[in-house]
Amino acid sequence: MWNSPAEFFEMGGYALYVWCSFGMCALVFLIEPLTVRARHKAIVHRLQREVMAEQFDHKGQQ
């Protein structure tokens, strides 16, 4: 139990560990959706190029 906001933010002497842990967790929560979206776009783009290449090869064989 904390008697003041200063005691809360000090976290009983473990403030550096506690707040760095919260910060890293928040950073991961922000970065993860961005990286997933970027990977998704790259995969979709690669698949579109492969489909176009297959269509081009199919037209060239006729």
PDB file of N, CA and C in Angstrom:
ATOM      1  N   MET A   1       0.843  -1.165   0.000  1.00  0.00           N
ATOM      2  CA  MET A   1       0.000   0.000   0.000  1.00  0.00           C
ATOM      3  C   MET A   1       0.895   1.237   0.000  1.00  0.00           C
ATOM      4  N   TRP A   2       0.523   2.199  -0.831  1.00  0.00           N
ATOM      5  CA  TRP A   2       1.315   3.411  -0.952  1.00  0.00           C
ATOM      6  C   TRP A   2       0.586   4.571  -0.300  1.00  0.00           C
ATOM      7  N   ASN A   3       1.373   5.401   0.399  1.00  0.00           N
ATOM      8  CA  ASN A   3       0.802   6.547   1.094  1.00  0.00           C
ATOM      9  C   ASN A   3       0.842   7.820   0.258  1.00  0.00           C
ATOM     10  N   SER A   4       1.585   7.802  -0.852  1.00  0.00           N
ATOM     11  CA  SER A   4       1.673   8.994  -1.698  1.00  0.00           C
ATOM     12  C   SER A   4       1.993   8.566  -3.135  1.00  0.00           C
ATOM     13  N   PRO A   5       1.751   9.451  -4.075  1.00  0.00           N
ATOM     14  CA  PRO A   5       2.097   9.128  -5.467  1.00  0.00           C
ATOM     15  C   PRO A   5       3.592   8.877  -5.641  1.00  0.00           C
ATOM     16  N   ALA A   6       4.428   9.561  -4.886  1.00  0.00           N
ATOM     17  CA  ALA A   6       5.876   9.361  -4.987  1.00  0.00           C
ATOM     18  C   ALA A   6       6.242   7.933  -4.596  1.00  0.00           C
ATOM     19  N   GLU A   7       5.626   7.413  -3.544  1.00  0.00           N
ATOM     20  CA  GLU A   7       5.884   6.030  -3.135  1.00  0.00           C
ATOM     21  C   GLU A   7       5.415   5.045  -4.211  1.00  0.00           C
ATOM     22  N   PHE A   8       4.300   5.375  -4.848  1.00  0.00           N
ATOM     23  CA  PHE A   8       3.819   4.510  -5.923  1.00  0.00           C
ATOM     24  C   PHE A   8       4.841   4.447  -7.047  1.00  0.00           C
ATOM     25  N   PHE A   9       5.322   5.604  -7.492  1.00  0.00           N
ATOM     26  CA  PHE A   9       6.259   5.624  -8.608  1.00  0.00           C
ATOM     27  C   PHE A   9       7.632   5.072  -8.235  1.00  0.00           C
ATOM     28  N   GLU A  10       7.985   5.079  -6.960  1.00  0.00           N
ATOM     29  CA  GLU A  10       9.249   4.484  -6.518  1.00  0.00           C
ATOM     30  C   GLU A  10       9.164   2.959  -6.455  1.00  0.00           C
ATOM     31  N   MET A  11       7.964   2.428  -6.321  1.00  0.00           N
ATOM     32  CA  MET A  11       7.723   0.982  -6.287  1.00  0.00           C
ATOM     33  C   MET A  11       8.591   0.252  -5.266  1.00  0.00           C
ATOM     34  N   GLY A  12       8.706   0.833  -4.111  1.00  0.00           N
ATOM     35  CA  GLY A  12       9.443   0.186  -3.030  1.00  0.00           C
ATOM     36  C   GLY A  12      10.917  -0.029  -3.348  1.00  0.00           C
ATOM     37  N   GLY A  13      11.503   0.835  -4.158  1.00  0.00           N
ATOM     38  CA  GLY A  13      12.911   0.713  -4.506  1.00  0.00           C
ATOM     39  C   GLY A  13      13.151  -0.069  -5.795  1.00  0.00           C
ATOM     40  N   TYR A  14      12.102  -0.599  -6.390  1.00  0.00           N
ATOM     41  CA  TYR A  14      12.237  -1.379  -7.621  1.00  0.00           C
ATOM     42  C   TYR A  14      11.707  -0.627  -8.842  1.00  0.00           C
ATOM     43  N   ALA A  15      11.660   0.690  -8.765  1.00  0.00           N
ATOM     44  CA  ALA A  15      11.054   1.498  -9.824  1.00  0.00           C
ATOM     45  C   ALA A  15      11.729   1.274 -11.172  1.00  0.00           C
ATOM     46  N   LEU A  16      13.045   1.225 -11.219  1.00  0.00           N
ATOM     47  CA  LEU A  16      13.742   1.059 -12.490  1.00  0.00           C
ATOM     48  C   LEU A  16      13.324  -0.241 -13.161  1.00  0.00           C
ATOM     49  N   TYR A  17      13.314  -1.325 -12.420  1.00  0.00           N
ATOM     50  CA  TYR A  17      12.930  -2.618 -12.974  1.00  0.00           C
ATOM     51  C   TYR A  17      11.452  -2.617 -13.395  1.00  0.00           C
ATOM     52  N   VAL A  18      10.592  -2.127 -12.529  1.00  0.00           N
ATOM     53  CA  VAL A  18       9.152  -2.165 -12.790  1.00  0.00           C
ATOM     54  C   VAL A  18       8.797  -1.307 -13.997  1.00  0.00           C
ATOM     55  N   TRP A  19       9.258  -0.060 -14.031  1.00  0.00           N
ATOM     56  CA  TRP A  19       8.857   0.842 -15.111  1.00  0.00           C
ATOM     57  C   TRP A  19       9.527   0.475 -16.429  1.00  0.00           C
ATOM     58  N   CYS A  20      10.742  -0.041 -16.398  1.00  0.00           N
ATOM     59  CA  CYS A  20      11.368  -0.535 -17.633  1.00  0.00           C
ATOM     60  C   CYS A  20      10.609  -1.748 -18.166  1.00  0.00           C
ATOM     61  N   SER A  21      10.150  -2.599 -17.275  1.00  0.00           N
ATOM     62  CA  SER A  21       9.366  -3.753 -17.703  1.00  0.00           C
ATOM     63  C   SER A  21       8.053  -3.319 -18.352  1.00  0.00           C
ATOM     64  N   PHE A  22       7.364  -2.377 -17.744  1.00  0.00           N
ATOM     65  CA  PHE A  22       6.131  -1.859 -18.333  1.00  0.00           C
ATOM     66  C   PHE A  22       6.411  -1.192 -19.677  1.00  0.00           C
ATOM     67  N   GLY A  23       7.500  -0.454 -19.761  1.00  0.00           N
ATOM     68  CA  GLY A  23       7.855   0.222 -21.011  1.00  0.00           C
ATOM     69  C   GLY A  23       8.159  -0.758 -22.133  1.00  0.00           C
ATOM     70  N   MET A  24       8.904  -1.811 -21.831  1.00  0.00           N
ATOM     71  CA  MET A  24       9.221  -2.814 -22.844  1.00  0.00           C
ATOM     72  C   MET A  24       7.959  -3.537 -23.301  1.00  0.00           C
ATOM     73  N   CYS A  25       7.084  -3.832 -22.391  1.00  0.00           N
ATOM     74  CA  CYS A  25       5.828  -4.497 -22.733  1.00  0.00           C
ATOM     75  C   CYS A  25       4.984  -3.597 -23.634  1.00  0.00           C
ATOM     76  N   ALA A  26       4.885  -2.335 -23.308  1.00  0.00           N
ATOM     77  CA  ALA A  26       4.130  -1.398 -24.135  1.00  0.00           C
ATOM     78  C   ALA A  26       4.758  -1.272 -25.518  1.00  0.00           C
ATOM     79  N   LEU A  27       6.084  -1.254 -25.588  1.00  0.00           N
ATOM     80  CA  LEU A  27       6.779  -1.171 -26.870  1.00  0.00           C
ATOM     81  C   LEU A  27       6.475  -2.382 -27.742  1.00  0.00           C
ATOM     82  N   VAL A  28       6.475  -3.565 -27.144  1.00  0.00           N
ATOM     83  CA  VAL A  28       6.148  -4.781 -27.893  1.00  0.00           C
ATOM     84  C   VAL A  28       4.704  -4.742 -28.377  1.00  0.00           C
ATOM     85  N   PHE A  29       3.801  -4.286 -27.527  1.00  0.00           N
ATOM     86  CA  PHE A  29       2.394  -4.197 -27.917  1.00  0.00           C
ATOM     87  C   PHE A  29       2.197  -3.217 -29.080  1.00  0.00           C
ATOM     88  N   LEU A  30       3.028  -2.212 -29.187  1.00  0.00           N
ATOM     89  CA  LEU A  30       2.913  -1.252 -30.286  1.00  0.00           C
ATOM     90  C   LEU A  30       3.586  -1.759 -31.560  1.00  0.00           C
ATOM     91  N   ILE A  31       4.731  -2.415 -31.421  1.00  0.00           N
ATOM     92  CA  ILE A  31       5.505  -2.829 -32.592  1.00  0.00           C
ATOM     93  C   ILE A  31       4.944  -4.091 -33.242  1.00  0.00           C
ATOM     94  N   GLU A  32       4.445  -5.015 -32.481  1.00  0.00           N
ATOM     95  CA  GLU A  32       3.984  -6.297 -33.033  1.00  0.00           C
ATOM     96  C   GLU A  32       2.940  -6.151 -34.144  1.00  0.00           C
ATOM     97  N   PRO A  33       1.869  -5.389 -33.968  1.00  0.00           N
ATOM     98  CA  PRO A  33       0.905  -5.257 -35.065  1.00  0.00           C
ATOM     99  C   PRO A  33       1.511  -4.615 -36.316  1.00  0.00           C
ATOM    100  N   LEU A  34       2.445  -3.700 -36.128  1.00  0.00           N
ATOM    101  CA  LEU A  34       3.089  -3.062 -37.279  1.00  0.00           C
ATOM    102  C   LEU A  34       3.928  -4.057 -38.067  1.00  0.00           C
ATOM    103  N   THR A  35       4.677  -4.908 -37.368  1.00  0.00           N
ATOM    104  CA  THR A  35       5.502  -5.889 -38.068  1.00  0.00           C
ATOM    105  C   THR A  35       4.638  -6.961 -38.726  1.00  0.00           C
ATOM    106  N   VAL A  36       3.554  -7.352 -38.077  1.00  0.00           N
ATOM    107  CA  VAL A  36       2.653  -8.339 -38.684  1.00  0.00           C
ATOM    108  C   VAL A  36       2.043  -7.765 -39.961  1.00  0.00           C
ATOM    109  N   ARG A  37       1.620  -6.519 -39.925  1.00  0.00           N
ATOM    110  CA  ARG A  37       1.046  -5.886 -41.116  1.00  0.00           C
ATOM    111  C   ARG A  37       2.077  -5.809 -42.243  1.00  0.00           C
ATOM    112  N   ALA A  38       3.303  -5.448 -41.919  1.00  0.00           N
ATOM    113  CA  ALA A  38       4.349  -5.352 -42.940  1.00  0.00           C
ATOM    114  C   ALA A  38       4.641  -6.719 -43.551  1.00  0.00           C
ATOM    115  N   ARG A  39       4.716  -7.758 -42.714  1.00  0.00           N
ATOM    116  CA  ARG A  39       4.950  -9.107 -43.246  1.00  0.00           C
ATOM    117  C   ARG A  39       3.785  -9.560 -44.118  1.00  0.00           C
ATOM    118  N   HIS A  40       2.568  -9.249 -43.721  1.00  0.00           N
ATOM    119  CA  HIS A  40       1.390  -9.622 -44.497  1.00  0.00           C
ATOM    120  C   HIS A  40       1.440  -8.970 -45.877  1.00  0.00           C
ATOM    121  N   LYS A  41       1.747  -7.670 -45.920  1.00  0.00           N
ATOM    122  CA  LYS A  41       1.823  -6.963 -47.196  1.00  0.00           C
ATOM    123  C   LYS A  41       2.914  -7.558 -48.081  1.00  0.00           C
ATOM    124  N   ALA A  42       4.057  -7.906 -47.500  1.00  0.00           N
ATOM    125  CA  ALA A  42       5.155  -8.483 -48.281  1.00  0.00           C
ATOM    126  C   ALA A  42       4.759  -9.834 -48.857  1.00  0.00           C
ATOM    127  N   ILE A  43       4.069 -10.642 -48.083  1.00  0.00           N
ATOM    128  CA  ILE A  43       3.634 -11.964 -48.561  1.00  0.00           C
ATOM    129  C   ILE A  43       2.612 -11.815 -49.669  1.00  0.00           C
ATOM    130  N   VAL A  44       1.649 -10.916 -49.496  1.00  0.00           N
ATOM    131  CA  VAL A  44       0.628 -10.705 -50.525  1.00  0.00           C
ATOM    132  C   VAL A  44       1.282 -10.203 -51.809  1.00  0.00           C
ATOM    133  N   HIS A  45       2.224  -9.290 -51.684  1.00  0.00           N
ATOM    134  CA  HIS A  45       2.910  -8.756 -52.855  1.00  0.00           C
ATOM    135  C   HIS A  45       3.692  -9.859 -53.573  1.00  0.00           C
ATOM    136  N   ARG A  46       4.384 -10.692 -52.804  1.00  0.00           N
ATOM    137  CA  ARG A  46       5.145 -11.795 -53.405  1.00  0.00           C
ATOM    138  C   ARG A  46       4.227 -12.781 -54.114  1.00  0.00           C
ATOM    139  N   LEU A  47       3.100 -13.101 -53.515  1.00  0.00           N
ATOM    140  CA  LEU A  47       2.152 -14.017 -54.142  1.00  0.00           C
ATOM    141  C   LEU A  47       1.565 -13.420 -55.423  1.00  0.00           C
ATOM    142  N   GLN A  48       1.290 -12.128 -55.412  1.00  0.00           N
ATOM    143  CA  GLN A  48       0.780 -11.479 -56.618  1.00  0.00           C
ATOM    144  C   GLN A  48       1.808 -11.542 -57.746  1.00  0.00           C
ATOM    145  N   ARG A  49       3.078 -11.326 -57.414  1.00  0.00           N
ATOM    146  CA  ARG A  49       4.124 -11.425 -58.438  1.00  0.00           C
ATOM    147  C   ARG A  49       4.232 -12.841 -58.980  1.00  0.00           C
ATOM    148  N   GLU A  50       4.107 -13.842 -58.097  1.00  0.00           N
ATOM    149  CA  GLU A  50       4.176 -15.227 -58.548  1.00  0.00           C
ATOM    150  C   GLU A  50       3.016 -15.565 -59.479  1.00  0.00           C
ATOM    151  N   VAL A  51       1.822 -15.089 -59.155  1.00  0.00           N
ATOM    152  CA  VAL A  51       0.659 -15.334 -60.013  1.00  0.00           C
ATOM    153  C   VAL A  51       0.865 -14.669 -61.368  1.00  0.00           C
ATOM    154  N   MET A  52       1.357 -13.440 -61.364  1.00  0.00           N
ATOM    155  CA  MET A  52       1.607 -12.746 -62.621  1.00  0.00           C
ATOM    156  C   MET A  52       2.669 -13.472 -63.448  1.00  0.00           C
ATOM    157  N   ALA A  53       3.702 -13.978 -62.799  1.00  0.00           N
ATOM    158  CA  ALA A  53       4.753 -14.712 -63.513  1.00  0.00           C
ATOM    159  C   ALA A  53       4.192 -15.998 -64.108  1.00  0.00           C
ATOM    160  N   GLU A  54       3.346 -16.695 -63.384  1.00  0.00           N
ATOM    161  CA  GLU A  54       2.728 -17.920 -63.907  1.00  0.00           C
ATOM    162  C   GLU A  54       1.828 -17.609 -65.100  1.00  0.00           C
ATOM    163  N   GLN A  55       1.071 -16.515 -65.015  1.00  0.00           N
ATOM    164  CA  GLN A  55       0.203 -16.131 -66.126  1.00  0.00           C
ATOM    165  C   GLN A  55       1.040 -15.776 -67.359  1.00  0.00           C
ATOM    166  N   PHE A  56       2.138 -15.088 -67.141  1.00  0.00           N
ATOM    167  CA  PHE A  56       3.031 -14.714 -68.238  1.00  0.00           C
ATOM    168  C   PHE A  56       3.635 -15.967 -68.884  1.00  0.00           C
ATOM    169  N   ASP A  57       4.080 -16.919 -68.055  1.00  0.00           N
ATOM    170  CA  ASP A  57       4.645 -18.168 -68.577  1.00  0.00           C
ATOM    171  C   ASP A  57       3.594 -18.963 -69.347  1.00  0.00           C
ATOM    172  N   HIS A  58       2.379 -18.972 -68.839  1.00  0.00           N
ATOM    173  CA  HIS A  58       1.296 -19.728 -69.496  1.00  0.00           C
ATOM    174  C   HIS A  58       0.983 -19.114 -70.852  1.00  0.00           C
ATOM    175  N   LYS A  59       0.955 -17.789 -70.948  1.00  0.00           N
ATOM    176  CA  LYS A  59       0.691 -17.119 -72.229  1.00  0.00           C
ATOM    177  C   LYS A  59       1.835 -17.364 -73.215  1.00  0.00           C
ATOM    178  N   GLY A  60       3.064 -17.428 -72.713  1.00  0.00           N
ATOM    179  CA  GLY A  60       4.212 -17.643 -73.593  1.00  0.00           C
ATOM    180  C   GLY A  60       4.284 -19.046 -74.153  1.00  0.00           C
ATOM    181  N   GLN A  61       3.681 -20.023 -73.477  1.00  0.00           N
ATOM    182  CA  GLN A  61       3.721 -21.399 -73.928  1.00  0.00           C
ATOM    183  C   GLN A  61       2.666 -21.663 -75.015  1.00  0.00           C
ATOM    184  N   GLN A  62       1.697 -20.806 -75.140  1.00  0.00           N
ATOM    185  CA  GLN A  62       0.629 -21.039 -76.119  1.00  0.00           C
ATOM    186  C   GLN A  62       1.047 -20.648 -77.492  1.00  0.00           C
TER     187      GLN A  62
END
